[in-house]
Amino acid sequence: MLESDILIENVNSIASLHSERLFAKLLFAQRGAINITYGGLIERAGRYVSMYHEHGVRPEEVVVIVHNDIEQTIYAFVGATMYGAIPSIFAHPSVKISPKEFSKTLALLLSVSRTRFLVAYRDLHDQVKGCIPADSIDLMLSEDVLAHSAAPALPTANPDKIVLLQHSSGTTGLKKGVALSNSSVINQLRNYASTLQLCQCDRIASWLPLYHDMGLIACFLLPLATGIPLVLMSPFDWIADPMMLFRAIHKEKCTLCWMPNFAYNFLAARVSETDLADVDLTSMRAFINCAEPISADSHQLFCERFRGNGVREDMLCTCYAMAENTFAVTQGGILDPVKIETLDATAVRNRKEAIPANCRTAVCQTVISSGRAIPNNQVRIIDDCGNELPERYIGEIAIKSDSMLNEYYNRPDLTSQGIKNGWYRSGDLGYLADGDLFVLGRIKDLIIVAGKNIYPQDIEEIVSGIEGIYPGRVVAFGIYDETIGTEEVVILAETVVERAKHLEIKLAIAKAVREQLECVANDILLLPHMWLIKSSSGKLSRPGNREKYLSELRAP
């Protein structure tokens, strides 16, 4: 397993020895299931190799892939690695983003990537052709790939060569391109496979998009390079029919599944008792929550809701991951139970200390561990000046590993800002306790009210539990008020309750936030379901909803 330091050589090795081995079963709501063997994968990806050659792609050039079909996305990506190009998958347009905004963002991505090549489908070509300069971008259509015969992989001998580019694109604009080498990716896969105790009896189930690091690394490249079978479905199909995931686990006897925190609540709320009849989830050994921070309430809700189908507490695992480390930094729950702590919330907010609560603690806060560092990864907590902090002091999470990014692509300025003396500064807040990492949130999301630190996710969790609020559809953020010299707290929450009851719900929200966080909510707005917008990773976007609030709802 993972004998070569070159990603594609591991895939080629499996294909040459076991061409009929199943790589992935793709599930589609309309088309049924498609099985992809390793031999079939190499043959179809080889057609893209031929197309890239015909279009003049040079090795180590970036090829951006934007496609609404996961099958073609896989072939285009693997074909690019076979050819020695640098694939970068970008989200295709959804109904929530206007064609004009998507085209503008895509044009910016192509510019930042300094690429000449885009793989897409005909409908997208028709949508963006007026925004993409035809003289500088060669738009290759997947519909044309069948006209090409398969070509073999080109030899790649340098493990330090960049093998892929991850772009994290949110709703408010393009983020940094994370360039990863063969050695970084392979080191990550080896380290993580060891931590997971991955074996050939495992089978991975996923609905995650391939343009996000959780979907790309844990649920695509990990099974691809190790020979572990994958059951993959479109995130759009899963959102429309959440039972697709459980049916796949039941039928295919899957053992591993990664999900962001919202999915636990979503499944618990959207799956009916009728749907669950005769569904068996006992084959699972780990549902891995890879959000930061992770909600203990979400885990409890998920476990209680699906206990009758075989879900147990020891299946609920945690992970801290980021594209800049290829993927996982820490992992919890595989060998030992995930740790949960109850803290003195006042000490967290006022003194930046994670002090365990006792019987005299007035206000408590429950946090869940993201586990311990995986092999060849180090974690430390630092202050604003970069000095290491003792255990249970809250500061910025810094990491060091053998799977870190080579650079932010074509951005030496951002690379030097992010990496200091070999340590990557994550921008996340957290603390260490007995080797376990507890993640509390993003530094940029922190709300500071009269010197007190308020974590928006704490507000969001409280409000989600208020009767009448749509679970998990809450966003909190701060707006600086120059007249009072500090930030105001704004809460946006979705509800389907009639307007006559809105005042009662707002009062309940204000009371709960005041009593549990000793914080005043300055503006509480109840909104129709689906008003809040998400980033392309599927998470509610605080920056995006803050901008939408300021432009649409904030009085001038």
Protein backbone atom coordinates (compact mmCIF):
# COMPACT_ATOMS: atom_id res chain seq x y z
CA MET A 1 0.00 0.00 0.00
CA LEU A 2 1.51 3.34 -1.15
CA GLU A 3 4.90 1.93 -2.13
CA SER A 4 5.77 4.82 -4.49
CA ASP A 5 6.41 8.47 -3.62
CA ILE A 6 4.63 9.41 -6.87
CA LEU A 7 0.85 9.53 -6.60
CA ILE A 8 0.00 8.22 -10.08
CA GLU A 9 2.55 5.39 -9.86
CA ASN A 10 0.58 3.87 -6.99
CA VAL A 11 -2.56 3.99 -9.13
CA ASN A 12 -0.77 2.51 -12.14
CA SER A 13 0.62 -0.27 -9.97
CA ILE A 14 -2.85 -1.32 -8.81
CA ALA A 15 -4.20 -1.10 -12.38
CA SER A 16 -1.40 -3.25 -13.80
CA LEU A 17 -1.73 -5.96 -11.13
CA HIS A 18 -5.49 -5.85 -10.57
CA SER A 19 -7.12 -4.18 -13.58
CA GLU A 20 -10.57 -5.52 -12.64
CA ARG A 21 -10.39 -4.30 -9.03
CA LEU A 22 -13.20 -1.86 -8.23
CA PHE A 23 -12.02 1.69 -7.68
CA ALA A 24 -15.40 3.37 -7.25
CA LYS A 25 -19.11 2.83 -7.50
CA LEU A 26 -20.75 6.09 -8.54
CA LEU A 27 -24.38 6.52 -7.50
CA PHE A 28 -26.67 8.84 -9.45
CA ALA A 29 -30.27 9.74 -8.68
CA GLN A 30 -31.29 9.52 -12.34
CA ARG A 31 -28.68 7.23 -13.93
CA GLY A 32 -28.38 4.51 -11.28
CA ALA A 33 -24.93 3.11 -10.50
CA ILE A 34 -21.69 3.05 -12.50
CA ASN A 35 -18.75 0.83 -11.52
CA ILE A 36 -15.24 2.07 -12.35
CA THR A 37 -12.45 -0.50 -12.25
CA TYR A 38 -8.79 0.52 -12.10
CA GLY A 39 -8.30 -0.71 -15.66
CA GLY A 40 -11.31 1.26 -16.87
CA LEU A 41 -10.13 4.35 -14.97
CA ILE A 42 -6.70 4.32 -16.62
CA GLU A 43 -8.22 3.74 -20.07
CA ARG A 44 -10.72 6.62 -19.78
CA ALA A 45 -8.25 8.95 -18.08
CA GLY A 46 -5.84 8.08 -20.90
CA ARG A 47 -8.25 9.69 -23.35
CA TYR A 48 -7.81 12.95 -21.44
CA VAL A 49 -4.03 12.46 -21.65
CA SER A 50 -4.42 12.33 -25.42
CA MET A 51 -6.67 15.41 -25.46
CA TYR A 52 -4.26 17.39 -23.24
CA HIS A 53 -1.42 16.52 -25.61
CA GLU A 54 -3.41 17.58 -28.67
CA HIS A 55 -4.28 20.94 -27.07
CA GLY A 56 -0.65 21.67 -26.24
CA VAL A 57 -0.77 21.36 -22.47
CA ARG A 58 2.76 21.21 -21.11
CA PRO A 59 3.78 19.14 -18.07
CA GLU A 60 3.53 21.17 -14.85
CA GLU A 61 0.94 23.51 -16.36
CA VAL A 62 -2.29 23.99 -14.42
CA VAL A 63 -5.47 22.48 -15.86
CA VAL A 64 -8.64 23.80 -14.19
CA ILE A 65 -11.54 21.32 -14.13
CA VAL A 66 -15.11 22.56 -13.73
CA HIS A 67 -17.68 19.85 -14.32
CA ASN A 68 -21.17 18.87 -13.18
CA ASP A 69 -20.50 15.14 -13.70
CA ILE A 70 -18.33 13.46 -11.04
CA GLU A 71 -17.40 10.66 -13.45
CA GLN A 72 -15.86 13.05 -15.99
CA THR A 73 -14.26 15.07 -13.18
CA ILE A 74 -12.47 11.93 -11.99
CA TYR A 75 -11.23 11.00 -15.48
CA ALA A 76 -10.06 14.57 -16.20
CA PHE A 77 -8.21 14.79 -12.86
CA VAL A 78 -6.49 11.40 -13.13
CA GLY A 79 -5.66 12.12 -16.77
CA ALA A 80 -3.94 15.36 -15.75
CA THR A 81 -1.80 13.54 -13.15
CA MET A 82 -0.93 10.86 -15.73
CA TYR A 83 0.13 13.61 -18.13
CA GLY A 84 2.22 15.43 -15.54
CA ALA A 85 0.00 18.51 -15.52
CA ILE A 86 -1.36 20.11 -12.32
CA PRO A 87 -5.12 19.53 -11.95
CA SER A 88 -7.26 21.95 -9.97
CA ILE A 89 -10.95 21.18 -9.45
CA PHE A 90 -13.26 24.14 -9.04
CA ALA A 91 -16.94 24.12 -8.08
CA HIS A 92 -19.42 24.16 -10.94
CA PRO A 93 -22.26 26.69 -10.76
CA SER A 94 -25.24 26.05 -8.50
CA VAL A 95 -28.71 27.55 -8.72
CA LYS A 96 -27.90 29.81 -5.75
CA ILE A 97 -25.14 31.69 -7.57
CA SER A 98 -25.99 33.92 -10.51
CA PRO A 99 -24.33 33.00 -13.83
CA LYS A 100 -22.75 36.46 -13.94
CA GLU A 101 -21.14 36.11 -10.49
CA PHE A 102 -19.94 32.59 -11.20
CA SER A 103 -18.39 33.62 -14.51
CA LYS A 104 -16.59 36.51 -12.83
CA THR A 105 -15.22 34.24 -10.09
CA LEU A 106 -14.13 31.61 -12.62
CA ALA A 107 -12.32 34.24 -14.69
CA LEU A 108 -10.48 35.35 -11.55
CA LEU A 109 -9.54 31.74 -10.73
CA LEU A 110 -8.09 31.21 -14.18
CA SER A 111 -6.12 34.44 -13.86
CA VAL A 112 -4.74 33.59 -10.40
CA SER A 113 -3.81 30.08 -11.55
CA ARG A 114 -2.04 31.54 -14.60
CA THR A 115 -3.45 28.71 -16.67
CA ARG A 116 -4.31 28.47 -20.34
CA PHE A 117 -6.60 25.46 -19.97
CA LEU A 118 -10.11 24.78 -18.71
CA VAL A 119 -11.94 21.44 -18.86
CA ALA A 120 -15.71 21.92 -18.80
CA TYR A 121 -19.00 20.78 -20.34
CA ARG A 122 -20.94 22.35 -23.19
CA ASP A 123 -23.62 24.11 -21.11
CA LEU A 124 -20.95 25.79 -19.00
CA HIS A 125 -19.05 26.79 -22.12
CA ASP A 126 -22.15 28.56 -23.40
CA GLN A 127 -22.60 30.31 -20.04
CA VAL A 128 -19.06 31.65 -19.56
CA LYS A 129 -17.78 32.17 -23.09
CA GLY A 130 -18.44 35.90 -22.95
CA CYS A 131 -16.48 36.27 -19.70
CA ILE A 132 -13.50 34.03 -20.47
CA PRO A 133 -10.99 35.49 -22.94
CA ALA A 134 -10.99 33.07 -25.89
CA ASP A 135 -7.54 34.21 -27.02
CA SER A 136 -5.87 33.20 -23.73
CA ILE A 137 -7.98 30.28 -22.44
CA ASP A 138 -8.31 26.98 -24.29
CA LEU A 139 -11.67 25.54 -23.21
CA MET A 140 -11.68 21.74 -23.62
CA LEU A 141 -15.07 19.99 -23.59
CA SER A 142 -15.55 16.58 -22.00
CA GLU A 143 -18.03 15.79 -24.79
CA ASP A 144 -15.06 15.77 -27.20
CA VAL A 145 -12.87 13.34 -25.25
CA LEU A 146 -14.43 10.21 -26.79
CA ALA A 147 -12.89 11.21 -30.10
CA HIS A 148 -9.45 10.54 -28.58
CA SER A 149 -7.79 7.19 -28.07
CA ALA A 150 -6.20 6.42 -24.71
CA ALA A 151 -2.57 7.42 -24.21
CA PRO A 152 -0.23 6.09 -21.48
CA ALA A 153 0.97 8.06 -18.50
CA LEU A 154 4.12 10.13 -18.92
CA PRO A 155 7.00 9.22 -16.59
CA THR A 156 7.31 11.33 -13.43
CA ALA A 157 10.46 10.97 -11.38
CA ASN A 158 10.42 13.98 -9.07
CA PRO A 159 8.38 13.57 -5.86
CA ASP A 160 8.87 17.28 -5.10
CA LYS A 161 6.97 18.26 -8.26
CA ILE A 162 3.60 19.95 -7.66
CA VAL A 163 0.92 17.34 -8.31
CA LEU A 164 -2.28 19.28 -7.62
CA LEU A 165 -3.68 22.66 -6.73
CA GLN A 166 -6.49 23.10 -4.22
CA HIS A 167 -8.57 26.25 -4.51
CA SER A 168 -10.90 27.02 -1.65
CA SER A 169 -13.49 29.33 -3.18
CA GLY A 170 -16.09 30.83 -0.89
CA THR A 171 -19.14 32.88 -1.71
CA THR A 172 -17.30 36.15 -1.17
CA GLY A 173 -14.49 35.58 -3.61
CA LEU A 174 -11.48 33.55 -4.51
CA LYS A 175 -9.21 32.24 -1.79
CA LYS A 176 -5.57 31.17 -2.01
CA GLY A 177 -4.42 28.35 -4.27
CA VAL A 178 -2.70 25.63 -2.21
CA ALA A 179 0.06 23.90 -4.20
CA LEU A 180 0.89 20.36 -3.04
CA SER A 181 3.76 18.14 -4.16
CA ASN A 182 3.70 14.40 -4.76
CA SER A 183 5.69 13.86 -1.56
CA SER A 184 3.32 16.00 0.54
CA VAL A 185 0.28 14.13 -0.74
CA ILE A 186 1.86 10.68 -0.35
CA ASN A 187 3.16 11.53 3.15
CA GLN A 188 -0.33 12.62 4.15
CA LEU A 189 -1.92 9.47 2.77
CA ARG A 190 0.63 7.24 4.52
CA ASN A 191 0.33 9.10 7.83
CA TYR A 192 -3.46 9.12 7.73
CA ALA A 193 -3.86 5.52 6.53
CA SER A 194 -1.70 4.43 9.47
CA THR A 195 -3.77 6.46 11.93
CA LEU A 196 -7.05 5.08 10.55
CA GLN A 197 -5.63 1.54 10.54
CA LEU A 198 -6.83 1.36 6.96
CA CYS A 199 -7.14 -2.15 5.51
CA GLN A 200 -8.51 -3.84 2.40
CA CYS A 201 -11.72 -4.72 4.23
CA ASP A 202 -12.58 -1.01 4.47
CA ARG A 203 -14.97 0.73 2.11
CA ILE A 204 -15.51 4.50 2.00
CA ALA A 205 -18.89 6.20 1.46
CA SER A 206 -18.98 9.86 0.43
CA TRP A 207 -21.23 12.58 -0.94
CA LEU A 208 -18.57 15.28 -0.56
CA PRO A 209 -17.58 17.47 -3.54
CA LEU A 210 -14.14 16.82 -5.03
CA TYR A 211 -13.23 20.52 -5.05
CA HIS A 212 -13.07 20.54 -1.24
CA ASP A 213 -10.08 19.06 0.64
CA MET A 214 -12.22 16.64 2.66
CA GLY A 215 -13.76 15.23 -0.50
CA LEU A 216 -10.61 15.40 -2.63
CA ILE A 217 -8.09 13.87 -0.22
CA ALA A 218 -9.97 11.67 2.26
CA CYS A 219 -12.72 10.52 -0.08
CA PHE A 220 -10.96 10.37 -3.46
CA LEU A 221 -7.16 10.29 -3.40
CA LEU A 222 -6.93 8.12 -0.27
CA PRO A 223 -9.04 5.29 -1.74
CA LEU A 224 -7.60 5.85 -5.23
CA ALA A 225 -3.97 5.36 -4.17
CA THR A 226 -4.56 2.62 -1.58
CA GLY A 227 -7.01 0.44 -3.50
CA ILE A 228 -9.79 0.85 -0.92
CA PRO A 229 -13.19 0.76 -2.71
CA LEU A 230 -15.15 4.03 -2.81
CA VAL A 231 -18.90 4.60 -3.01
CA LEU A 232 -19.43 8.15 -4.26
CA MET A 233 -22.52 10.24 -4.94
CA SER A 234 -23.18 13.81 -6.00
CA PRO A 235 -23.67 16.31 -3.15
CA PHE A 236 -26.68 17.69 -5.02
CA ASP A 237 -28.29 14.24 -5.19
CA TRP A 238 -27.55 13.68 -1.50
CA ILE A 239 -29.05 17.00 -0.44
CA ALA A 240 -32.23 16.12 -2.35
CA ASP A 241 -32.28 12.57 -0.94
CA PRO A 242 -30.21 12.26 2.28
CA MET A 243 -31.10 8.58 2.56
CA MET A 244 -28.80 7.91 -0.42
CA LEU A 245 -25.88 7.82 2.02
CA PHE A 246 -27.46 5.37 4.44
CA ARG A 247 -28.74 3.14 1.64
CA ALA A 248 -25.20 3.03 0.21
CA ILE A 249 -23.68 2.17 3.61
CA HIS A 250 -26.28 -0.56 4.14
CA LYS A 251 -25.97 -2.13 0.69
CA GLU A 252 -22.19 -1.83 0.22
CA LYS A 253 -21.23 -2.49 3.87
CA CYS A 254 -19.19 0.73 4.06
CA THR A 255 -16.92 1.35 7.03
CA LEU A 256 -15.69 4.98 6.79
CA CYS A 257 -17.47 8.27 6.09
CA TRP A 258 -16.29 11.88 6.48
CA MET A 259 -18.83 14.68 6.99
CA PRO A 260 -18.88 18.33 8.09
CA ASN A 261 -20.75 19.11 11.29
CA PHE A 262 -23.95 20.39 9.63
CA ALA A 263 -24.53 16.98 7.98
CA TYR A 264 -25.11 15.30 11.34
CA ASN A 265 -27.97 17.68 12.13
CA PHE A 266 -29.23 17.59 8.54
CA LEU A 267 -29.50 13.81 8.48
CA ALA A 268 -31.14 13.68 11.91
CA ALA A 269 -33.77 16.20 10.80
CA ARG A 270 -34.41 15.06 7.23
CA VAL A 271 -34.47 11.25 7.37
CA SER A 272 -37.85 9.77 8.28
CA GLU A 273 -38.59 6.67 10.37
CA THR A 274 -40.19 5.07 7.33
CA ASP A 275 -36.97 5.52 5.32
CA LEU A 276 -34.93 3.93 8.10
CA ALA A 277 -36.85 0.67 8.19
CA ASP A 278 -34.50 -2.28 7.59
CA VAL A 279 -31.43 0.01 7.20
CA ASP A 280 -28.36 -1.46 8.92
CA LEU A 281 -25.40 0.83 9.70
CA THR A 282 -23.47 -1.61 11.90
CA SER A 283 -20.76 -2.07 9.24
CA MET A 284 -19.49 1.45 9.99
CA ARG A 285 -16.45 1.86 12.19
CA ALA A 286 -16.11 5.65 11.86
CA PHE A 287 -18.25 8.63 10.97
CA ILE A 288 -15.54 11.32 11.00
CA ASN A 289 -16.61 14.89 11.79
CA CYS A 290 -14.14 17.21 10.14
CA ALA A 291 -15.62 20.61 10.95
CA GLU A 292 -13.92 23.13 13.15
CA PRO A 293 -15.15 23.46 15.77
CA ILE A 294 -17.15 20.25 16.30
CA SER A 295 -20.45 20.22 18.17
CA ALA A 296 -20.94 17.59 20.88
CA ASP A 297 -24.69 18.23 20.61
CA SER A 298 -24.61 17.30 16.91
CA HIS A 299 -22.90 14.01 17.73
CA GLN A 300 -25.40 13.22 20.46
CA LEU A 301 -28.35 14.08 18.22
CA PHE A 302 -27.00 11.89 15.39
CA CYS A 303 -26.27 8.95 17.68
CA GLU A 304 -29.64 9.00 19.40
CA ARG A 305 -31.52 9.41 16.13
CA PHE A 306 -29.86 6.44 14.43
CA ARG A 307 -29.05 4.20 17.38
CA GLY A 308 -31.78 1.82 16.31
CA ASN A 309 -29.96 1.37 12.98
CA GLY A 310 -26.68 0.42 14.62
CA VAL A 311 -24.93 3.76 15.23
CA ARG A 312 -22.85 3.72 18.43
CA GLU A 313 -20.95 6.44 20.30
CA ASP A 314 -17.60 4.83 19.44
CA MET A 315 -18.32 5.32 15.73
CA LEU A 316 -18.36 9.11 16.14
CA CYS A 317 -14.83 10.29 15.41
CA THR A 318 -13.25 13.72 14.93
CA CYS A 319 -10.54 15.29 12.80
CA TYR A 320 -8.82 18.66 12.38
CA ALA A 321 -7.78 19.19 8.79
CA MET A 322 -6.89 21.86 6.26
CA ALA A 323 -5.83 22.09 2.64
CA GLU A 324 -2.51 23.64 3.67
CA ASN A 325 -1.56 20.34 5.34
CA THR A 326 -2.96 18.36 2.39
CA PHE A 327 -5.66 17.22 4.82
CA ALA A 328 -5.55 15.75 8.36
CA VAL A 329 -3.52 17.26 11.20
CA THR A 330 -5.19 15.39 14.06
CA GLN A 331 -7.56 12.45 14.42
CA GLY A 332 -9.65 11.31 17.36
CA GLY A 333 -11.87 8.36 18.15
CA ILE A 334 -10.21 5.56 16.16
CA LEU A 335 -8.44 3.86 19.08
CA ASP A 336 -9.77 5.79 22.09
CA PRO A 337 -13.08 7.56 22.76
CA VAL A 338 -13.28 11.20 21.72
CA LYS A 339 -12.71 13.50 24.70
CA ILE A 340 -15.38 16.00 25.71
CA GLU A 341 -14.69 18.80 28.21
CA THR A 342 -16.94 21.20 30.07
CA LEU A 343 -15.19 24.54 30.59
CA ASP A 344 -15.68 27.68 32.61
CA ALA A 345 -17.07 29.87 29.82
CA THR A 346 -16.16 33.10 31.60
CA ALA A 347 -12.48 32.07 31.77
CA VAL A 348 -12.57 31.17 28.06
CA ARG A 349 -13.99 34.54 27.04
CA ASN A 350 -12.26 36.88 29.48
CA ARG A 351 -8.90 35.24 30.23
CA LYS A 352 -8.37 32.96 27.20
CA GLU A 353 -7.92 29.97 29.48
CA ALA A 354 -9.56 26.55 29.13
CA ILE A 355 -10.33 25.85 32.80
CA PRO A 356 -12.53 22.79 33.50
CA ALA A 357 -15.83 23.72 35.11
CA ASN A 358 -16.78 22.64 38.62
CA CYS A 359 -19.96 22.66 40.70
CA ARG A 360 -19.53 26.39 41.40
CA THR A 361 -19.08 27.44 37.76
CA ALA A 362 -21.86 29.83 36.78
CA VAL A 363 -21.65 29.58 32.96
CA CYS A 364 -20.33 26.46 31.25
CA GLN A 365 -19.20 25.65 27.72
CA THR A 366 -18.90 22.13 26.26
CA VAL A 367 -16.12 21.44 23.77
CA ILE A 368 -15.10 18.30 21.93
CA SER A 369 -11.57 17.22 21.05
CA SER A 370 -10.35 16.98 17.46
CA GLY A 371 -7.94 14.26 18.60
CA ARG A 372 -4.16 13.96 18.66
CA ALA A 373 -1.62 14.79 15.97
CA ILE A 374 -1.25 12.05 13.35
CA PRO A 375 2.30 10.69 12.67
CA ASN A 376 4.87 13.25 11.45
CA ASN A 377 2.61 16.16 12.42
CA GLN A 378 3.22 18.63 15.25
CA VAL A 379 0.78 21.08 16.82
CA ARG A 380 1.48 24.03 19.07
CA ILE A 381 -0.55 26.98 20.38
CA ILE A 382 0.98 30.43 19.98
CA ASP A 383 0.20 33.98 21.02
CA ASP A 384 0.01 37.05 18.77
CA CYS A 385 3.81 37.33 18.75
CA GLY A 386 4.37 33.69 17.82
CA ASN A 387 5.43 32.57 21.30
CA GLU A 388 4.36 29.07 22.33
CA LEU A 389 1.68 28.98 25.03
CA PRO A 390 1.33 26.44 27.86
CA GLU A 391 -1.43 23.81 27.91
CA ARG A 392 -4.97 25.09 28.38
CA TYR A 393 -4.10 28.59 27.18
CA ILE A 394 -6.11 29.64 24.14
CA GLY A 395 -4.24 30.96 21.12
CA GLU A 396 -3.60 30.40 17.43
CA ILE A 397 -3.06 26.84 16.24
CA ALA A 398 0.26 26.36 14.43
CA ILE A 399 1.28 23.16 12.64
CA LYS A 400 4.41 21.58 11.21
CA SER A 401 4.48 18.37 9.15
CA ASP A 402 5.87 16.49 6.17
CA SER A 403 2.63 17.03 4.21
CA MET A 404 2.44 20.83 4.20
CA LEU A 405 1.88 22.94 1.13
CA ASN A 406 4.79 23.85 -1.12
CA GLU A 407 3.43 27.35 -1.51
CA TYR A 408 0.38 29.44 -2.15
CA TYR A 409 0.53 29.19 -5.92
CA ASN A 410 2.27 32.20 -7.43
CA ARG A 411 1.86 34.07 -4.14
CA PRO A 412 5.25 34.22 -2.36
CA ASP A 413 3.93 37.09 -0.22
CA LEU A 414 1.12 34.97 1.23
CA THR A 415 3.41 31.97 1.60
CA SER A 416 5.91 33.95 3.71
CA GLN A 417 3.07 35.39 5.83
CA GLY A 418 1.57 31.97 6.51
CA ILE A 419 4.74 29.97 7.20
CA LYS A 420 7.20 31.17 9.84
CA ASN A 421 10.30 29.08 10.63
CA GLY A 422 8.66 25.99 9.18
CA TRP A 423 5.41 26.43 11.15
CA TYR A 424 2.13 27.20 9.41
CA ARG A 425 -0.13 29.67 11.23
CA SER A 426 -3.65 28.35 10.73
CA GLY A 427 -5.75 31.35 11.75
CA ASP A 428 -7.75 29.00 14.02
CA LEU A 429 -8.16 29.37 17.78
CA GLY A 430 -7.75 26.45 20.11
CA TYR A 431 -5.91 24.89 23.02
CA LEU A 432 -4.04 21.70 23.90
CA ALA A 433 -4.85 19.45 26.87
CA ASP A 434 -2.91 16.22 27.49
CA GLY A 435 -2.00 16.05 23.81
CA ASP A 436 -5.54 16.55 22.52
CA LEU A 437 -6.37 19.54 20.34
CA PHE A 438 -9.59 21.45 20.99
CA VAL A 439 -10.58 23.88 18.21
CA LEU A 440 -12.70 26.88 19.21
CA GLY A 441 -13.12 28.84 15.97
CA ARG A 442 -11.53 31.23 13.51
CA ILE A 443 -9.61 34.28 14.71
CA LYS A 444 -11.24 36.44 12.04
CA ASP A 445 -14.74 35.31 13.12
CA LEU A 446 -14.18 36.18 16.78
CA ILE A 447 -16.58 38.86 18.07
CA ILE A 448 -15.05 41.20 20.66
CA VAL A 449 -17.63 43.02 22.78
CA ALA A 450 -16.19 45.47 25.29
CA GLY A 451 -13.01 43.39 25.54
CA LYS A 452 -14.85 40.09 25.92
CA ASN A 453 -14.26 37.33 23.36
CA ILE A 454 -17.48 35.86 21.96
CA TYR A 455 -17.28 32.84 19.67
CA PRO A 456 -19.97 33.03 16.98
CA GLN A 457 -20.45 29.27 16.89
CA ASP A 458 -21.49 29.36 20.57
CA ILE A 459 -24.24 31.84 19.71
CA GLU A 460 -25.26 29.79 16.68
CA GLU A 461 -25.53 26.60 18.71
CA ILE A 462 -27.66 28.28 21.37
CA VAL A 463 -29.99 29.85 18.82
CA SER A 464 -30.34 26.59 16.86
CA GLY A 465 -31.87 25.05 19.98
CA ILE A 466 -34.61 27.68 20.27
CA GLU A 467 -38.06 26.39 19.35
CA GLY A 468 -39.15 27.72 15.97
CA ILE A 469 -35.61 28.12 14.58
CA TYR A 470 -34.59 25.94 11.65
CA PRO A 471 -31.79 23.75 13.13
CA GLY A 472 -28.32 24.61 11.88
CA ARG A 473 -29.49 27.60 9.87
CA VAL A 474 -28.10 30.37 12.06
CA VAL A 475 -25.24 32.82 11.51
CA ALA A 476 -23.76 35.23 14.06
CA PHE A 477 -21.14 37.93 13.48
CA GLY A 478 -19.95 41.27 14.75
CA ILE A 479 -20.38 44.74 13.27
CA TYR A 480 -18.11 47.45 14.66
CA ASP A 481 -20.03 50.48 15.98
CA GLU A 482 -17.86 53.60 16.13
CA THR A 483 -20.30 55.40 18.41
CA ILE A 484 -19.85 52.89 21.23
CA GLY A 485 -16.29 51.82 20.30
CA THR A 486 -16.95 48.09 20.21
CA GLU A 487 -18.73 45.46 18.15
CA GLU A 488 -22.46 44.81 18.01
CA VAL A 489 -23.69 41.21 17.86
CA VAL A 490 -25.89 40.39 14.87
CA ILE A 491 -27.85 37.13 14.66
CA LEU A 492 -29.49 35.89 11.46
CA ALA A 493 -31.73 32.87 11.90
CA GLU A 494 -34.08 31.06 9.57
CA THR A 495 -37.59 30.03 10.59
CA VAL A 496 -40.73 28.65 8.99
CA VAL A 497 -42.95 29.87 11.85
CA GLU A 498 -45.66 32.42 11.09
CA ARG A 499 -44.74 36.08 11.54
CA ALA A 500 -47.12 36.55 14.48
CA LYS A 501 -44.78 34.45 16.63
CA HIS A 502 -41.55 36.16 15.57
CA LEU A 503 -41.38 38.57 18.52
CA GLU A 504 -41.75 35.70 20.98
CA ILE A 505 -38.90 33.81 19.26
CA LYS A 506 -36.65 36.90 19.20
CA LEU A 507 -37.19 37.44 22.93
CA ALA A 508 -36.33 33.80 23.59
CA ILE A 509 -33.12 34.16 21.55
CA ALA A 510 -32.11 37.36 23.35
CA LYS A 511 -32.77 35.77 26.76
CA ALA A 512 -30.82 32.57 25.98
CA VAL A 513 -27.79 34.41 24.60
CA ARG A 514 -27.77 36.88 27.50
CA GLU A 515 -28.04 34.18 30.17
CA GLN A 516 -25.64 31.63 28.65
CA LEU A 517 -22.99 33.95 27.22
CA GLU A 518 -23.48 37.14 29.25
CA CYS A 519 -23.81 38.90 25.93
CA VAL A 520 -26.40 41.24 24.43
CA ALA A 521 -27.64 40.50 20.91
CA ASN A 522 -28.02 43.92 19.29
CA ASP A 523 -29.84 42.83 16.14
CA ILE A 524 -31.84 39.60 15.74
CA LEU A 525 -33.41 38.92 12.37
CA LEU A 526 -35.69 36.01 11.52
CA LEU A 527 -35.51 35.07 7.87
CA PRO A 528 -37.24 32.65 5.51
CA HIS A 529 -35.70 29.23 4.99
CA MET A 530 -32.81 29.20 2.45
CA TRP A 531 -32.13 32.95 2.81
CA LEU A 532 -28.69 32.29 4.29
CA ILE A 533 -25.94 31.51 1.81
CA LYS A 534 -23.21 28.88 1.96
CA SER A 535 -19.65 28.75 0.75
CA SER A 536 -18.71 26.20 -1.90
CA SER A 537 -17.59 23.84 0.89
CA GLY A 538 -21.20 23.54 2.02
CA LYS A 539 -20.84 25.57 5.22
CA LEU A 540 -22.86 28.65 6.06
CA SER A 541 -20.63 31.59 5.23
CA ARG A 542 -20.32 34.18 7.98
CA PRO A 543 -18.47 36.68 5.72
CA GLY A 544 -20.92 36.10 2.87
CA ASN A 545 -23.99 36.51 5.05
CA ARG A 546 -22.45 39.52 6.76
CA GLU A 547 -22.10 41.19 3.35
CA LYS A 548 -25.64 40.19 2.38
CA TYR A 549 -26.95 41.61 5.66
CA LEU A 550 -25.13 44.90 5.16
CA SER A 551 -26.30 45.29 1.57
CA GLU A 552 -29.89 44.10 1.97
CA LEU A 553 -31.00 44.44 5.58
CA ARG A 554 -28.88 46.99 7.45
CA ALA A 555 -30.41 50.41 7.68
CA PRO A 556 -28.10 53.09 6.21
